[in-house]
Amino acid sequence: MSNSSNSSNKLVVPNARAAMDKFKMEAASEVGVDLKEGYNGDLTSRQAGSIGGQMVKKMIEAYENNLK
């Protein structure tokens, strides 16, 4: 069984990659993490987690605003 076919990192809409990258860069800027284009393997787990957490926070806020 190939692990690459089960990747949880695939976007449902492949053309959304640029929008997700922009969203990630904005979230990184908001939490004060210097995110570069391309490889960012030098980030600490805390930095990476803060970016992901900010992205989730913004997605929840957007969802809640759409409910109103």
PDB file of N, CA and C in Angstrom:
ATOM      1  N   MET A   1       0.842  -1.180   0.000  1.00  0.00           N
ATOM      2  CA  MET A   1       0.000   0.000   0.000  1.00  0.00           C
ATOM      3  C   MET A   1       0.889   1.246   0.000  1.00  0.00           C
ATOM      4  N   SER A   2       0.691   2.108  -0.948  1.00  0.00           N
ATOM      5  CA  SER A   2       1.516   3.301  -1.093  1.00  0.00           C
ATOM      6  C   SER A   2       1.033   4.385  -0.146  1.00  0.00           C
ATOM      7  N   ASN A   3       1.960   4.969   0.562  1.00  0.00           N
ATOM      8  CA  ASN A   3       1.630   6.028   1.509  1.00  0.00           C
ATOM      9  C   ASN A   3       1.285   7.334   0.812  1.00  0.00           C
ATOM     10  N   SER A   4       1.838   7.567  -0.388  1.00  0.00           N
ATOM     11  CA  SER A   4       1.600   8.834  -1.074  1.00  0.00           C
ATOM     12  C   SER A   4       0.152   8.991  -1.524  1.00  0.00           C
ATOM     13  N   SER A   5      -0.541   7.893  -1.784  1.00  0.00           N
ATOM     14  CA  SER A   5      -1.933   8.000  -2.214  1.00  0.00           C
ATOM     15  C   SER A   5      -2.866   8.303  -1.050  1.00  0.00           C
ATOM     16  N   ASN A   6      -2.386   8.133   0.164  1.00  0.00           N
ATOM     17  CA  ASN A   6      -3.208   8.389   1.344  1.00  0.00           C
ATOM     18  C   ASN A   6      -2.838   9.698   2.033  1.00  0.00           C
ATOM     19  N   SER A   7      -2.147  10.568   1.344  1.00  0.00           N
ATOM     20  CA  SER A   7      -1.698  11.815   1.939  1.00  0.00           C
ATOM     21  C   SER A   7      -2.875  12.651   2.415  1.00  0.00           C
ATOM     22  N   SER A   8      -2.776  13.139   3.646  1.00  0.00           N
ATOM     23  CA  SER A   8      -3.833  14.006   4.167  1.00  0.00           C
ATOM     24  C   SER A   8      -3.550  15.461   3.815  1.00  0.00           C
ATOM     25  N   ASN A   9      -2.480  15.699   3.051  1.00  0.00           N
ATOM     26  CA  ASN A   9      -2.093  17.056   2.690  1.00  0.00           C
ATOM     27  C   ASN A   9      -2.635  17.489   1.337  1.00  0.00           C
ATOM     28  N   LYS A  10      -3.419  16.650   0.691  1.00  0.00           N
ATOM     29  CA  LYS A  10      -3.959  16.998  -0.622  1.00  0.00           C
ATOM     30  C   LYS A  10      -5.122  17.975  -0.466  1.00  0.00           C
ATOM     31  N   LEU A  11      -5.139  18.978  -1.326  1.00  0.00           N
ATOM     32  CA  LEU A  11      -6.260  19.909  -1.342  1.00  0.00           C
ATOM     33  C   LEU A  11      -7.383  19.302  -2.177  1.00  0.00           C
ATOM     34  N   VAL A  12      -8.604  19.502  -1.762  1.00  0.00           N
ATOM     35  CA  VAL A  12      -9.753  18.998  -2.499  1.00  0.00           C
ATOM     36  C   VAL A  12      -9.838  19.685  -3.853  1.00  0.00           C
ATOM     37  N   VAL A  13      -9.537  20.970  -3.880  1.00  0.00           N
ATOM     38  CA  VAL A  13      -9.522  21.746  -5.119  1.00  0.00           C
ATOM     39  C   VAL A  13      -8.067  22.093  -5.420  1.00  0.00           C
ATOM     40  N   PRO A  14      -7.439  21.382  -6.360  1.00  0.00           N
ATOM     41  CA  PRO A  14      -6.009  21.595  -6.604  1.00  0.00           C
ATOM     42  C   PRO A  14      -5.632  23.041  -6.916  1.00  0.00           C
ATOM     43  N   ASN A  15      -6.493  23.799  -7.546  1.00  0.00           N
ATOM     44  CA  ASN A  15      -6.202  25.190  -7.885  1.00  0.00           C
ATOM     45  C   ASN A  15      -6.196  26.102  -6.662  1.00  0.00           C
ATOM     46  N   ALA A  16      -6.558  25.588  -5.512  1.00  0.00           N
ATOM     47  CA  ALA A  16      -6.613  26.394  -4.300  1.00  0.00           C
ATOM     48  C   ALA A  16      -5.248  26.537  -3.634  1.00  0.00           C
ATOM     49  N   ARG A  17      -4.219  25.894  -4.166  1.00  0.00           N
ATOM     50  CA  ARG A  17      -2.884  25.917  -3.555  1.00  0.00           C
ATOM     51  C   ARG A  17      -2.392  27.356  -3.330  1.00  0.00           C
ATOM     52  N   ALA A  18      -2.504  28.230  -4.325  1.00  0.00           N
ATOM     53  CA  ALA A  18      -2.020  29.609  -4.190  1.00  0.00           C
ATOM     54  C   ALA A  18      -2.779  30.352  -3.088  1.00  0.00           C
ATOM     55  N   ALA A  19      -4.086  30.154  -3.020  1.00  0.00           N
ATOM     56  CA  ALA A  19      -4.881  30.819  -1.987  1.00  0.00           C
ATOM     57  C   ALA A  19      -4.497  30.310  -0.596  1.00  0.00           C
ATOM     58  N   MET A  20      -4.260  29.018  -0.464  1.00  0.00           N
ATOM     59  CA  MET A  20      -3.861  28.456   0.824  1.00  0.00           C
ATOM     60  C   MET A  20      -2.467  28.955   1.225  1.00  0.00           C
ATOM     61  N   ASP A  21      -1.565  29.060   0.261  1.00  0.00           N
ATOM     62  CA  ASP A  21      -0.230  29.580   0.555  1.00  0.00           C
ATOM     63  C   ASP A  21      -0.307  31.025   1.030  1.00  0.00           C
ATOM     64  N   LYS A  22      -1.153  31.832   0.388  1.00  0.00           N
ATOM     65  CA  LYS A  22      -1.331  33.227   0.786  1.00  0.00           C
ATOM     66  C   LYS A  22      -1.933  33.307   2.192  1.00  0.00           C
ATOM     67  N   PHE A  23      -2.918  32.470   2.461  1.00  0.00           N
ATOM     68  CA  PHE A  23      -3.569  32.409   3.762  1.00  0.00           C
ATOM     69  C   PHE A  23      -2.548  32.038   4.841  1.00  0.00           C
ATOM     70  N   LYS A  24      -1.687  31.075   4.540  1.00  0.00           N
ATOM     71  CA  LYS A  24      -0.657  30.639   5.481  1.00  0.00           C
ATOM     72  C   LYS A  24       0.338  31.770   5.756  1.00  0.00           C
ATOM     73  N   MET A  25       0.733  32.492   4.713  1.00  0.00           N
ATOM     74  CA  MET A  25       1.670  33.603   4.882  1.00  0.00           C
ATOM     75  C   MET A  25       1.054  34.706   5.743  1.00  0.00           C
ATOM     76  N   GLU A  26      -0.234  34.997   5.523  1.00  0.00           N
ATOM     77  CA  GLU A  26      -0.925  36.012   6.321  1.00  0.00           C
ATOM     78  C   GLU A  26      -0.989  35.595   7.789  1.00  0.00           C
ATOM     79  N   ALA A  27      -1.321  34.331   8.036  1.00  0.00           N
ATOM     80  CA  ALA A  27      -1.411  33.829   9.406  1.00  0.00           C
ATOM     81  C   ALA A  27      -0.042  33.885  10.082  1.00  0.00           C
ATOM     82  N   ALA A  28       1.007  33.536   9.354  1.00  0.00           N
ATOM     83  CA  ALA A  28       2.359  33.583   9.910  1.00  0.00           C
ATOM     84  C   ALA A  28       2.736  35.010  10.284  1.00  0.00           C
ATOM     85  N   SER A  29       2.389  35.950   9.427  1.00  0.00           N
ATOM     86  CA  SER A  29       2.681  37.350   9.697  1.00  0.00           C
ATOM     87  C   SER A  29       1.945  37.825  10.942  1.00  0.00           C
ATOM     88  N   GLU A  30       0.704  37.403  11.103  1.00  0.00           N
ATOM     89  CA  GLU A  30      -0.112  37.827  12.248  1.00  0.00           C
ATOM     90  C   GLU A  30       0.442  37.325  13.572  1.00  0.00           C
ATOM     91  N   VAL A  31       1.086  36.150  13.567  1.00  0.00           N
ATOM     92  CA  VAL A  31       1.632  35.611  14.815  1.00  0.00           C
ATOM     93  C   VAL A  31       3.129  35.886  14.945  1.00  0.00           C
ATOM     94  N   GLY A  32       3.695  36.650  13.997  1.00  0.00           N
ATOM     95  CA  GLY A  32       5.083  37.072  14.093  1.00  0.00           C
ATOM     96  C   GLY A  32       6.118  36.035  13.698  1.00  0.00           C
ATOM     97  N   VAL A  33       5.743  35.096  12.831  1.00  0.00           N
ATOM     98  CA  VAL A  33       6.675  34.081  12.359  1.00  0.00           C
ATOM     99  C   VAL A  33       7.127  34.458  10.952  1.00  0.00           C
ATOM    100  N   ASP A  34       8.438  34.443  10.735  1.00  0.00           N
ATOM    101  CA  ASP A  34       9.004  34.779   9.429  1.00  0.00           C
ATOM    102  C   ASP A  34       8.956  33.542   8.533  1.00  0.00           C
ATOM    103  N   LEU A  35       7.888  33.422   7.760  1.00  0.00           N
ATOM    104  CA  LEU A  35       7.696  32.280   6.869  1.00  0.00           C
ATOM    105  C   LEU A  35       8.211  32.649   5.486  1.00  0.00           C
ATOM    106  N   LYS A  36       9.010  31.773   4.900  1.00  0.00           N
ATOM    107  CA  LYS A  36       9.581  32.016   3.578  1.00  0.00           C
ATOM    108  C   LYS A  36       8.816  31.211   2.529  1.00  0.00           C
ATOM    109  N   GLU A  37       8.915  31.639   1.275  1.00  0.00           N
ATOM    110  CA  GLU A  37       8.388  30.842   0.170  1.00  0.00           C
ATOM    111  C   GLU A  37       9.233  29.583   0.079  1.00  0.00           C
ATOM    112  N   GLY A  38       8.607  28.447  -0.120  1.00  0.00           N
ATOM    113  CA  GLY A  38       9.359  27.202  -0.257  1.00  0.00           C
ATOM    114  C   GLY A  38       9.607  26.525   1.082  1.00  0.00           C
ATOM    115  N   TYR A  39      10.810  26.004   1.252  1.00  0.00           N
ATOM    116  CA  TYR A  39      11.171  25.187   2.414  1.00  0.00           C
ATOM    117  C   TYR A  39      11.245  26.010   3.696  1.00  0.00           C
ATOM    118  N   ASN A  40      10.589  25.507   4.737  1.00  0.00           N
ATOM    119  CA  ASN A  40      10.604  26.169   6.046  1.00  0.00           C
ATOM    120  C   ASN A  40      10.910  25.167   7.152  1.00  0.00           C
ATOM    121  N   GLY A  41      11.767  24.205   6.855  1.00  0.00           N
ATOM    122  CA  GLY A  41      12.095  23.158   7.815  1.00  0.00           C
ATOM    123  C   GLY A  41      12.842  23.646   9.034  1.00  0.00           C
ATOM    124  N   ASP A  42      13.278  24.894   9.020  1.00  0.00           N
ATOM    125  CA  ASP A  42      13.991  25.440  10.164  1.00  0.00           C
ATOM    126  C   ASP A  42      13.055  26.015  11.230  1.00  0.00           C
ATOM    127  N   LEU A  43      11.754  25.978  10.989  1.00  0.00           N
ATOM    128  CA  LEU A  43      10.795  26.471  11.980  1.00  0.00           C
ATOM    129  C   LEU A  43      10.733  25.510  13.157  1.00  0.00           C
ATOM    130  N   THR A  44      10.512  26.052  14.337  1.00  0.00           N
ATOM    131  CA  THR A  44      10.302  25.194  15.503  1.00  0.00           C
ATOM    132  C   THR A  44       8.865  24.658  15.458  1.00  0.00           C
ATOM    133  N   SER A  45       8.624  23.632  16.238  1.00  0.00           N
ATOM    134  CA  SER A  45       7.264  23.084  16.330  1.00  0.00           C
ATOM    135  C   SER A  45       6.303  24.135  16.853  1.00  0.00           C
ATOM    136  N   ARG A  46       6.762  24.937  17.786  1.00  0.00           N
ATOM    137  CA  ARG A  46       5.921  26.000  18.352  1.00  0.00           C
ATOM    138  C   ARG A  46       5.532  27.002  17.275  1.00  0.00           C
ATOM    139  N   GLN A  47       6.495  27.399  16.425  1.00  0.00           N
ATOM    140  CA  GLN A  47       6.206  28.359  15.364  1.00  0.00           C
ATOM    141  C   GLN A  47       5.220  27.771  14.357  1.00  0.00           C
ATOM    142  N   ALA A  48       5.471  26.551  13.925  1.00  0.00           N
ATOM    143  CA  ALA A  48       4.580  25.908  12.962  1.00  0.00           C
ATOM    144  C   ALA A  48       3.179  25.745  13.544  1.00  0.00           C
ATOM    145  N   GLY A  49       3.115  25.358  14.815  1.00  0.00           N
ATOM    146  CA  GLY A  49       1.825  25.190  15.470  1.00  0.00           C
ATOM    147  C   GLY A  49       1.070  26.499  15.617  1.00  0.00           C
ATOM    148  N   SER A  50       1.803  27.574  15.865  1.00  0.00           N
ATOM    149  CA  SER A  50       1.128  28.872  16.008  1.00  0.00           C
ATOM    150  C   SER A  50       0.538  29.328  14.674  1.00  0.00           C
ATOM    151  N   ILE A  51       1.214  28.999  13.581  1.00  0.00           N
ATOM    152  CA  ILE A  51       0.668  29.334  12.256  1.00  0.00           C
ATOM    153  C   ILE A  51      -0.602  28.535  12.006  1.00  0.00           C
ATOM    154  N   GLY A  52      -0.539  27.226  12.233  1.00  0.00           N
ATOM    155  CA  GLY A  52      -1.723  26.376  12.037  1.00  0.00           C
ATOM    156  C   GLY A  52      -2.865  26.784  12.939  1.00  0.00           C
ATOM    157  N   GLY A  53      -2.556  27.106  14.181  1.00  0.00           N
ATOM    158  CA  GLY A  53      -3.596  27.536  15.118  1.00  0.00           C
ATOM    159  C   GLY A  53      -4.261  28.825  14.680  1.00  0.00           C
ATOM    160  N   GLN A  54      -3.465  29.763  14.164  1.00  0.00           N
ATOM    161  CA  GLN A  54      -4.022  31.027  13.675  1.00  0.00           C
ATOM    162  C   GLN A  54      -4.914  30.781  12.461  1.00  0.00           C
ATOM    163  N   MET A  55      -4.502  29.854  11.594  1.00  0.00           N
ATOM    164  CA  MET A  55      -5.316  29.541  10.421  1.00  0.00           C
ATOM    165  C   MET A  55      -6.665  28.963  10.845  1.00  0.00           C
ATOM    166  N   VAL A  56      -6.644  28.047  11.806  1.00  0.00           N
ATOM    167  CA  VAL A  56      -7.894  27.442  12.298  1.00  0.00           C
ATOM    168  C   VAL A  56      -8.772  28.506  12.945  1.00  0.00           C
ATOM    169  N   LYS A  57      -8.174  29.375  13.747  1.00  0.00           N
ATOM    170  CA  LYS A  57      -8.929  30.443  14.401  1.00  0.00           C
ATOM    171  C   LYS A  57      -9.645  31.312  13.370  1.00  0.00           C
ATOM    172  N   LYS A  58      -8.918  31.686  12.299  1.00  0.00           N
ATOM    173  CA  LYS A  58      -9.518  32.533  11.266  1.00  0.00           C
ATOM    174  C   LYS A  58     -10.614  31.794  10.496  1.00  0.00           C
ATOM    175  N   MET A  59     -10.432  30.494  10.258  1.00  0.00           N
ATOM    176  CA  MET A  59     -11.459  29.713   9.564  1.00  0.00           C
ATOM    177  C   MET A  59     -12.722  29.604  10.414  1.00  0.00           C
ATOM    178  N   ILE A  60     -12.568  29.416  11.727  1.00  0.00           N
ATOM    179  CA  ILE A  60     -13.727  29.339  12.621  1.00  0.00           C
ATOM    180  C   ILE A  60     -14.448  30.678  12.652  1.00  0.00           C
ATOM    181  N   GLU A  61     -13.696  31.777  12.733  1.00  0.00           N
ATOM    182  CA  GLU A  61     -14.310  33.111  12.720  1.00  0.00           C
ATOM    183  C   GLU A  61     -15.091  33.340  11.433  1.00  0.00           C
ATOM    184  N   ALA A  62     -14.525  32.944  10.300  1.00  0.00           N
ATOM    185  CA  ALA A  62     -15.196  33.120   9.008  1.00  0.00           C
ATOM    186  C   ALA A  62     -16.480  32.285   8.970  1.00  0.00           C
ATOM    187  N   TYR A  63     -16.410  31.066   9.474  1.00  0.00           N
ATOM    188  CA  TYR A  63     -17.599  30.202   9.508  1.00  0.00           C
ATOM    189  C   TYR A  63     -18.682  30.814  10.381  1.00  0.00           C
ATOM    190  N   GLU A  64     -18.293  31.277  11.558  1.00  0.00           N
ATOM    191  CA  GLU A  64     -19.282  31.878  12.467  1.00  0.00           C
ATOM    192  C   GLU A  64     -19.895  33.136  11.872  1.00  0.00           C
ATOM    193  N   ASN A  65     -19.096  33.941  11.158  1.00  0.00           N
ATOM    194  CA  ASN A  65     -19.624  35.142  10.516  1.00  0.00           C
ATOM    195  C   ASN A  65     -20.607  34.799   9.403  1.00  0.00           C
ATOM    196  N   ASN A  66     -20.403  33.676   8.732  1.00  0.00           N
ATOM    197  CA  ASN A  66     -21.315  33.241   7.675  1.00  0.00           C
ATOM    198  C   ASN A  66     -22.633  32.720   8.219  1.00  0.00           C
ATOM    199  N   LEU A  67     -22.649  32.318   9.492  1.00  0.00           N
ATOM    200  CA  LEU A  67     -23.876  31.824  10.113  1.00  0.00           C
ATOM    201  C   LEU A  67     -24.842  32.956  10.448  1.00  0.00           C
ATOM    202  N   LYS A  68     -24.306  34.156  10.590  1.00  0.00           N
ATOM    203  CA  LYS A  68     -25.129  35.304  10.994  1.00  0.00           C
ATOM    204  C   LYS A  68     -25.972  35.821   9.871  1.00  0.00           C
TER     205      LYS A  68
END
